[in-house]
Amino acid sequence: MQKKILIVDDETMLTELLAEHLEANGYLPYTANTSERALALLKVRPDLILLDINMPDIDGLRLCRQIRGHVVCPILFLTARITEQDKVTGLQSGGDDYITKPFSLKELTARIEAHLRRDQRGRAASDLISSQGLIVNLSARSVCFGDAEISFSKREFDIIEFLLSNANQVFDKERIYEAVWGYDAEGDSNVVKEHVRKIRTKLQAAAGRDYIETIWGMGYKWKS
């Protein structure tokens, strides 16, 4: 999937040049010559933002602070300001890097690639949850113990994800059923008991231990 790059700069020629270059390098560019347009384009959920500090309507630093609460992607400042304090101010405003004009397209592309790789690694790491030797990858929907992957059905994995993400909290069958099957599901919450039994059997066979504890009269919890 193409990575989306939002280019925010009041110089139309520069945004067009960068858009053409990034598109040629496999990215999907979006351009904004005003802060208002930049705010409107946040709906595309960019993977990285190139932001000029010297915007005419809203200062780029202010714009960065304004959008940082809504986006988690890397923000790279583009500016002619070169003092150390300018760089510190830019980074403190929520920026991730600072590229001074003029810059080479080769360097800019390398910076973009580096930040996207770093961002991807961070996101991947945040999707991993470990528990007593068990490694659960939420994005890949996989469960491993040691070098071996343990196979689970969709519902079984959903139960594991729900309980593990709320470790040490006790949930009755009805609450687990609502979380996994949905509030509007037509069925019997007793099906949870059978799924938990299967999960326990597989985990016991692979890891030799129980991860899900039954709290009699209350429900189930994941042992942290």
Protein backbone atom coordinates (compact mmCIF):
# COMPACT_ATOMS: atom_id res chain seq x y z
CA MET A 1 0.00 0.00 0.00
CA GLN A 2 1.30 3.46 -0.93
CA LYS A 3 2.36 5.67 1.95
CA LYS A 4 0.48 8.99 2.04
CA ILE A 5 2.59 12.14 2.37
CA LEU A 6 0.97 15.49 3.16
CA ILE A 7 3.07 18.43 1.90
CA VAL A 8 2.24 21.76 3.52
CA ASP A 9 3.99 24.83 2.10
CA ASP A 10 2.78 28.20 0.79
CA GLU A 11 5.12 27.95 -2.21
CA THR A 12 3.05 26.29 -4.92
CA MET A 13 6.05 25.52 -7.10
CA LEU A 14 7.74 23.68 -4.23
CA THR A 15 4.71 21.62 -3.29
CA GLU A 16 4.23 20.64 -6.95
CA LEU A 17 7.90 19.72 -7.29
CA LEU A 18 7.87 17.63 -4.12
CA ALA A 19 4.59 15.97 -5.05
CA GLU A 20 5.95 15.00 -8.46
CA HIS A 21 9.17 13.67 -6.95
CA LEU A 22 7.42 11.69 -4.20
CA GLU A 23 4.90 10.23 -6.62
CA ALA A 24 7.78 9.08 -8.85
CA ASN A 25 9.23 7.34 -5.79
CA GLY A 26 6.07 5.38 -5.06
CA TYR A 27 4.37 7.65 -2.53
CA LEU A 28 0.87 9.12 -2.66
CA PRO A 29 1.30 12.90 -2.15
CA TYR A 30 -1.29 15.45 -1.03
CA THR A 31 -0.52 19.17 -1.18
CA ALA A 32 -1.75 22.14 0.84
CA ASN A 33 -0.70 25.76 0.36
CA THR A 34 -2.65 27.01 3.37
CA SER A 35 -3.04 25.78 6.91
CA GLU A 36 -6.79 25.57 6.44
CA ARG A 37 -6.29 23.19 3.51
CA ALA A 38 -3.78 21.19 5.55
CA LEU A 39 -6.31 20.74 8.35
CA ALA A 40 -8.92 19.60 5.84
CA LEU A 41 -6.53 17.01 4.41
CA LEU A 42 -5.92 15.36 7.78
CA LYS A 43 -8.97 13.26 6.94
CA VAL A 44 -6.81 11.22 4.52
CA ARG A 45 -4.76 10.07 7.54
CA PRO A 46 -1.29 10.81 6.16
CA ASP A 47 1.61 8.54 7.07
CA LEU A 48 3.98 11.52 7.21
CA ILE A 49 3.66 15.31 7.03
CA LEU A 50 6.15 17.76 5.50
CA LEU A 51 5.39 21.11 7.11
CA ASP A 52 6.80 24.54 6.29
CA ILE A 53 7.24 26.73 9.36
CA ASN A 54 6.71 30.06 7.59
CA MET A 55 3.07 29.61 6.62
CA PRO A 56 1.22 32.90 5.97
CA ASP A 57 -2.07 32.22 7.75
CA ILE A 58 -1.12 30.04 10.73
CA ASP A 59 2.50 29.71 11.78
CA GLY A 60 3.79 26.19 11.11
CA LEU A 61 4.83 25.71 14.73
CA ARG A 62 1.36 26.63 15.92
CA LEU A 63 -0.20 24.40 13.28
CA CYS A 64 2.02 21.52 14.41
CA ARG A 65 0.91 21.93 18.01
CA GLN A 66 -2.68 22.10 16.84
CA ILE A 67 -2.62 18.88 14.84
CA ARG A 68 -0.24 16.85 17.00
CA GLY A 69 -3.08 15.91 19.31
CA HIS A 70 -4.92 14.34 16.37
CA VAL A 71 -2.15 12.65 14.35
CA VAL A 72 0.63 10.32 15.43
CA CYS A 73 2.53 10.22 12.16
CA PRO A 74 6.02 11.78 11.80
CA ILE A 75 6.08 15.54 11.11
CA LEU A 76 9.14 16.93 9.33
CA PHE A 77 9.63 20.70 9.29
CA LEU A 78 10.79 22.41 6.11
CA THR A 79 12.25 25.84 6.74
CA ALA A 80 15.02 28.33 6.07
CA ARG A 81 15.46 28.94 9.79
CA ILE A 82 18.76 27.45 10.87
CA THR A 83 19.53 28.56 14.44
CA GLU A 84 19.81 25.98 17.19
CA GLN A 85 16.94 27.59 19.11
CA ASP A 86 14.73 27.38 16.03
CA LYS A 87 15.42 23.65 15.83
CA VAL A 88 14.73 23.15 19.52
CA THR A 89 11.49 25.11 19.26
CA GLY A 90 10.39 23.08 16.26
CA LEU A 91 11.04 19.76 17.98
CA GLN A 92 9.33 20.95 21.17
CA SER A 93 6.28 21.89 19.11
CA GLY A 94 5.79 18.25 18.15
CA GLY A 95 8.00 17.93 15.09
CA ASP A 96 10.15 14.83 14.56
CA ASP A 97 12.82 16.30 12.29
CA TYR A 98 14.04 19.57 10.86
CA ILE A 99 15.14 19.95 7.24
CA THR A 100 16.59 23.32 6.26
CA LYS A 101 16.07 24.91 2.87
CA PRO A 102 17.59 24.50 0.41
CA PHE A 103 17.78 20.73 0.61
CA SER A 104 18.43 17.98 -1.89
CA LEU A 105 15.58 15.72 -2.95
CA LYS A 106 17.86 12.77 -2.29
CA GLU A 107 18.34 13.78 1.35
CA LEU A 108 14.64 14.52 1.80
CA THR A 109 13.68 11.11 0.43
CA ALA A 110 16.19 9.40 2.72
CA ARG A 111 14.80 11.26 5.75
CA ILE A 112 11.24 10.33 4.80
CA GLU A 113 12.15 6.67 4.38
CA ALA A 114 14.00 6.61 7.72
CA HIS A 115 11.09 8.13 9.62
CA LEU A 116 8.55 5.83 8.01
CA ARG A 117 10.67 2.80 8.91
CA ARG A 118 11.01 4.01 12.48
CA ASP A 119 7.30 4.72 12.72
CA GLN A 120 6.49 1.27 11.34
CA ARG A 121 8.79 -0.40 13.86
CA GLY A 122 7.15 1.56 16.67
CA ARG A 123 3.68 0.57 15.55
CA ALA A 124 4.68 -3.08 15.18
CA ALA A 125 6.20 -3.11 18.65
CA SER A 126 3.05 -1.61 20.15
CA ASP A 127 1.05 -4.50 18.65
CA LEU A 128 3.09 -7.09 20.54
CA ILE A 129 2.03 -8.27 23.98
CA SER A 130 4.06 -10.81 25.91
CA SER A 131 2.87 -12.87 28.85
CA GLN A 132 4.88 -15.58 30.61
CA GLY A 133 6.79 -16.60 27.51
CA LEU A 134 3.79 -16.17 25.23
CA ILE A 135 4.05 -13.55 22.46
CA VAL A 136 0.80 -12.28 20.95
CA ASN A 137 0.98 -10.17 17.80
CA LEU A 138 -2.31 -8.25 17.61
CA SER A 139 -1.82 -6.97 14.07
CA ALA A 140 -0.73 -10.33 12.64
CA ARG A 141 -3.24 -12.11 14.90
CA SER A 142 -0.66 -14.72 15.84
CA VAL A 143 0.30 -16.41 19.10
CA CYS A 144 3.75 -17.92 19.63
CA PHE A 145 5.51 -19.74 22.42
CA GLY A 146 9.23 -20.03 21.82
CA ASP A 147 9.69 -20.69 18.12
CA ALA A 148 6.33 -22.38 17.70
CA GLU A 149 3.15 -20.67 16.55
CA ILE A 150 -0.08 -21.82 18.15
CA SER A 151 -3.11 -21.96 15.86
CA PHE A 152 -6.35 -20.41 17.06
CA SER A 153 -9.70 -19.78 15.41
CA LYS A 154 -10.90 -16.20 14.94
CA ARG A 155 -13.17 -16.33 18.01
CA GLU A 156 -10.48 -17.98 20.12
CA PHE A 157 -7.96 -15.29 19.21
CA ASP A 158 -10.54 -12.56 19.89
CA ILE A 159 -11.08 -13.95 23.39
CA ILE A 160 -7.31 -14.12 23.99
CA GLU A 161 -6.89 -10.52 22.80
CA PHE A 162 -9.75 -9.28 24.99
CA LEU A 163 -8.59 -11.03 28.16
CA LEU A 164 -4.88 -10.34 27.63
CA SER A 165 -5.50 -6.67 26.91
CA ASN A 166 -7.37 -6.51 30.22
CA ALA A 167 -5.12 -8.81 32.24
CA ASN A 168 -6.09 -9.46 35.87
CA GLN A 169 -9.61 -8.15 35.31
CA VAL A 170 -12.44 -10.62 35.78
CA PHE A 171 -15.15 -10.88 33.10
CA ASP A 172 -18.23 -13.06 33.15
CA LYS A 173 -19.35 -15.04 30.09
CA GLU A 174 -21.92 -12.43 29.11
CA ARG A 175 -19.34 -9.61 29.01
CA ILE A 176 -16.88 -11.70 26.99
CA TYR A 177 -19.67 -12.70 24.60
CA GLU A 178 -20.64 -9.06 24.05
CA ALA A 179 -17.01 -8.02 23.48
CA VAL A 180 -16.23 -10.81 21.01
CA TRP A 181 -19.50 -11.60 19.26
CA GLY A 182 -21.02 -8.12 19.53
CA TYR A 183 -23.90 -6.60 21.46
CA ASP A 184 -26.44 -7.51 18.78
CA ALA A 185 -25.31 -11.12 18.35
CA GLU A 186 -28.01 -13.75 18.57
CA GLY A 187 -26.72 -16.71 20.51
CA ASP A 188 -25.90 -18.16 23.89
CA SER A 189 -23.06 -16.82 26.02
CA ASN A 190 -22.40 -20.39 27.19
CA VAL A 191 -20.42 -20.83 23.95
CA VAL A 192 -17.67 -18.82 25.67
CA LYS A 193 -17.03 -21.70 28.06
CA GLU A 194 -16.29 -24.11 25.22
CA HIS A 195 -13.99 -21.61 23.48
CA VAL A 196 -12.08 -20.99 26.69
CA ARG A 197 -11.68 -24.74 27.15
CA LYS A 198 -10.17 -25.07 23.67
CA ILE A 199 -7.84 -22.12 24.26
CA ARG A 200 -6.64 -23.65 27.53
CA THR A 201 -6.02 -27.02 25.90
CA LYS A 202 -3.90 -25.49 23.14
CA LEU A 203 -1.91 -23.25 25.50
CA GLN A 204 -1.33 -26.12 27.93
CA ALA A 205 -0.06 -28.34 25.11
CA ALA A 206 2.31 -25.67 23.78
CA ALA A 207 3.46 -23.91 26.95
CA GLY A 208 2.66 -26.37 29.71
CA ARG A 209 0.77 -23.84 31.81
CA ASP A 210 -2.61 -22.17 32.29
CA TYR A 211 -2.97 -18.54 31.30
CA ILE A 212 -6.70 -18.14 31.87
CA GLU A 213 -7.97 -18.49 35.43
CA THR A 214 -11.55 -19.30 36.39
CA ILE A 215 -12.89 -17.19 39.24
CA TRP A 216 -15.77 -19.32 40.43
CA GLY A 217 -19.09 -17.54 40.44
CA MET A 218 -17.59 -14.53 38.65
CA GLY A 219 -15.94 -15.42 35.36
CA TYR A 220 -12.52 -15.56 33.76
CA LYS A 221 -9.33 -13.53 33.90
CA TRP A 222 -5.95 -13.61 32.20
CA LYS A 223 -3.11 -14.22 34.64
CA SER A 224 -0.51 -11.47 34.21
